[in-house]
């Protein structure tokens, strides 16, 4: 699958990054970044992490129990 990472500047001057697939579907949107440089650093970090990251399933009941324990 091909796709792209898009850098956008919003009307308020903040920046965001979109991950878009080859069918033009937006797969993810970043939080706001205060500068173009910060947004690009976020892109580089995303690319580095995505290449080696493990998928962690946070939808399980066990995960919910673990999260409850860390909050208490």
C-alpha atoms as a PDB file:
ATOM      1  CA  UNK A   1       0.000   0.000   0.000  1.00  0.00           C
ATOM      2  CA  UNK A   2       1.245   3.425  -0.867  1.00  0.00           C
ATOM      3  CA  UNK A   3       0.306   6.576   0.887  1.00  0.00           C
ATOM      4  CA  UNK A   4       1.725   9.823   2.077  1.00  0.00           C
ATOM      5  CA  UNK A   5       2.285  12.039   5.059  1.00  0.00           C
ATOM      6  CA  UNK A   6       0.868  15.532   4.604  1.00  0.00           C
ATOM      7  CA  UNK A   7       1.900  18.655   6.482  1.00  0.00           C
ATOM      8  CA  UNK A   8      -0.863  21.264   6.886  1.00  0.00           C
ATOM      9  CA  UNK A   9      -0.947  24.743   8.389  1.00  0.00           C
ATOM     10  CA  UNK A  10      -4.258  25.637   9.987  1.00  0.00           C
ATOM     11  CA  UNK A  11      -5.925  29.043   9.945  1.00  0.00           C
ATOM     12  CA  UNK A  12      -4.721  29.692  13.503  1.00  0.00           C
ATOM     13  CA  UNK A  13      -1.106  29.195  12.387  1.00  0.00           C
ATOM     14  CA  UNK A  14      -0.615  25.823  14.046  1.00  0.00           C
ATOM     15  CA  UNK A  15       0.521  22.800  12.055  1.00  0.00           C
ATOM     16  CA  UNK A  16      -0.770  19.262  11.841  1.00  0.00           C
ATOM     17  CA  UNK A  17       0.227  16.091  10.053  1.00  0.00           C
ATOM     18  CA  UNK A  18      -2.102  13.696   8.247  1.00  0.00           C
ATOM     19  CA  UNK A  19      -1.408  10.110   7.266  1.00  0.00           C
ATOM     20  CA  UNK A  20      -3.320   9.451   4.024  1.00  0.00           C
ATOM     21  CA  UNK A  21      -3.639   6.160   2.124  1.00  0.00           C
ATOM     22  CA  UNK A  22      -3.626   5.644  -1.630  1.00  0.00           C
ATOM     23  CA  UNK A  23      -7.445   5.908  -1.747  1.00  0.00           C
ATOM     24  CA  UNK A  24      -7.318   9.401  -0.178  1.00  0.00           C
ATOM     25  CA  UNK A  25      -8.615   8.153   3.198  1.00  0.00           C
ATOM     26  CA  UNK A  26      -7.219   9.966   6.222  1.00  0.00           C
ATOM     27  CA  UNK A  27      -5.863   7.268   8.535  1.00  0.00           C
ATOM     28  CA  UNK A  28      -4.503   9.485  11.304  1.00  0.00           C
ATOM     29  CA  UNK A  29      -4.263  13.140  12.282  1.00  0.00           C
ATOM     30  CA  UNK A  30      -1.619  14.448  14.661  1.00  0.00           C
ATOM     31  CA  UNK A  31      -2.116  16.830  17.523  1.00  0.00           C
ATOM     32  CA  UNK A  32      -1.268  20.458  16.778  1.00  0.00           C
ATOM     33  CA  UNK A  33       2.351  21.550  16.478  1.00  0.00           C
ATOM     34  CA  UNK A  34       3.441  25.133  17.161  1.00  0.00           C
ATOM     35  CA  UNK A  35       5.921  25.284  14.281  1.00  0.00           C
ATOM     36  CA  UNK A  36       6.683  23.708  10.933  1.00  0.00           C
ATOM     37  CA  UNK A  37       9.973  22.436  12.365  1.00  0.00           C
ATOM     38  CA  UNK A  38       8.201  20.732  15.285  1.00  0.00           C
ATOM     39  CA  UNK A  39       5.701  19.116  12.896  1.00  0.00           C
ATOM     40  CA  UNK A  40       8.483  17.785  10.688  1.00  0.00           C
ATOM     41  CA  UNK A  41      10.297  16.430  13.748  1.00  0.00           C
ATOM     42  CA  UNK A  42       7.052  14.632  14.590  1.00  0.00           C
ATOM     43  CA  UNK A  43       6.971  13.169  11.074  1.00  0.00           C
ATOM     44  CA  UNK A  44      10.537  11.915  11.378  1.00  0.00           C
ATOM     45  CA  UNK A  45       9.769  10.367  14.779  1.00  0.00           C
ATOM     46  CA  UNK A  46       6.643   8.694  13.377  1.00  0.00           C
ATOM     47  CA  UNK A  47       8.580   7.231  10.457  1.00  0.00           C
ATOM     48  CA  UNK A  48      11.282   5.903  12.788  1.00  0.00           C
ATOM     49  CA  UNK A  49       8.822   4.358  15.257  1.00  0.00           C
ATOM     50  CA  UNK A  50       6.478   2.901  12.629  1.00  0.00           C
ATOM     51  CA  UNK A  51       9.286   0.944  11.013  1.00  0.00           C
ATOM     52  CA  UNK A  52      10.069  -1.049  14.147  1.00  0.00           C
ATOM     53  CA  UNK A  53       7.124  -0.668  16.528  1.00  0.00           C
ATOM     54  CA  UNK A  54       5.186  -3.558  17.992  1.00  0.00           C
ATOM     55  CA  UNK A  55       1.386  -3.390  17.977  1.00  0.00           C
ATOM     56  CA  UNK A  56      -0.065  -3.216  21.483  1.00  0.00           C
ATOM     57  CA  UNK A  57      -3.727  -4.196  21.753  1.00  0.00           C
ATOM     58  CA  UNK A  58      -5.248  -1.814  24.295  1.00  0.00           C
ATOM     59  CA  UNK A  59      -8.816  -3.057  23.744  1.00  0.00           C
ATOM     60  CA  UNK A  60      -8.615  -6.135  25.956  1.00  0.00           C
ATOM     61  CA  UNK A  61     -10.187  -6.529  29.376  1.00  0.00           C
ATOM     62  CA  UNK A  62      -6.737  -7.318  30.824  1.00  0.00           C
ATOM     63  CA  UNK A  63      -5.415  -3.990  29.572  1.00  0.00           C
ATOM     64  CA  UNK A  64      -8.357  -2.179  31.178  1.00  0.00           C
ATOM     65  CA  UNK A  65      -7.598  -3.870  34.519  1.00  0.00           C
ATOM     66  CA  UNK A  66      -3.925  -2.932  34.243  1.00  0.00           C
ATOM     67  CA  UNK A  67      -4.811   0.697  33.508  1.00  0.00           C
ATOM     68  CA  UNK A  68      -7.127   0.811  36.512  1.00  0.00           C
ATOM     69  CA  UNK A  69      -4.317  -0.447  38.759  1.00  0.00           C
ATOM     70  CA  UNK A  70      -1.885   2.232  37.568  1.00  0.00           C
ATOM     71  CA  UNK A  71      -4.402   5.027  38.220  1.00  0.00           C
ATOM     72  CA  UNK A  72      -5.234   3.896  41.767  1.00  0.00           C
END
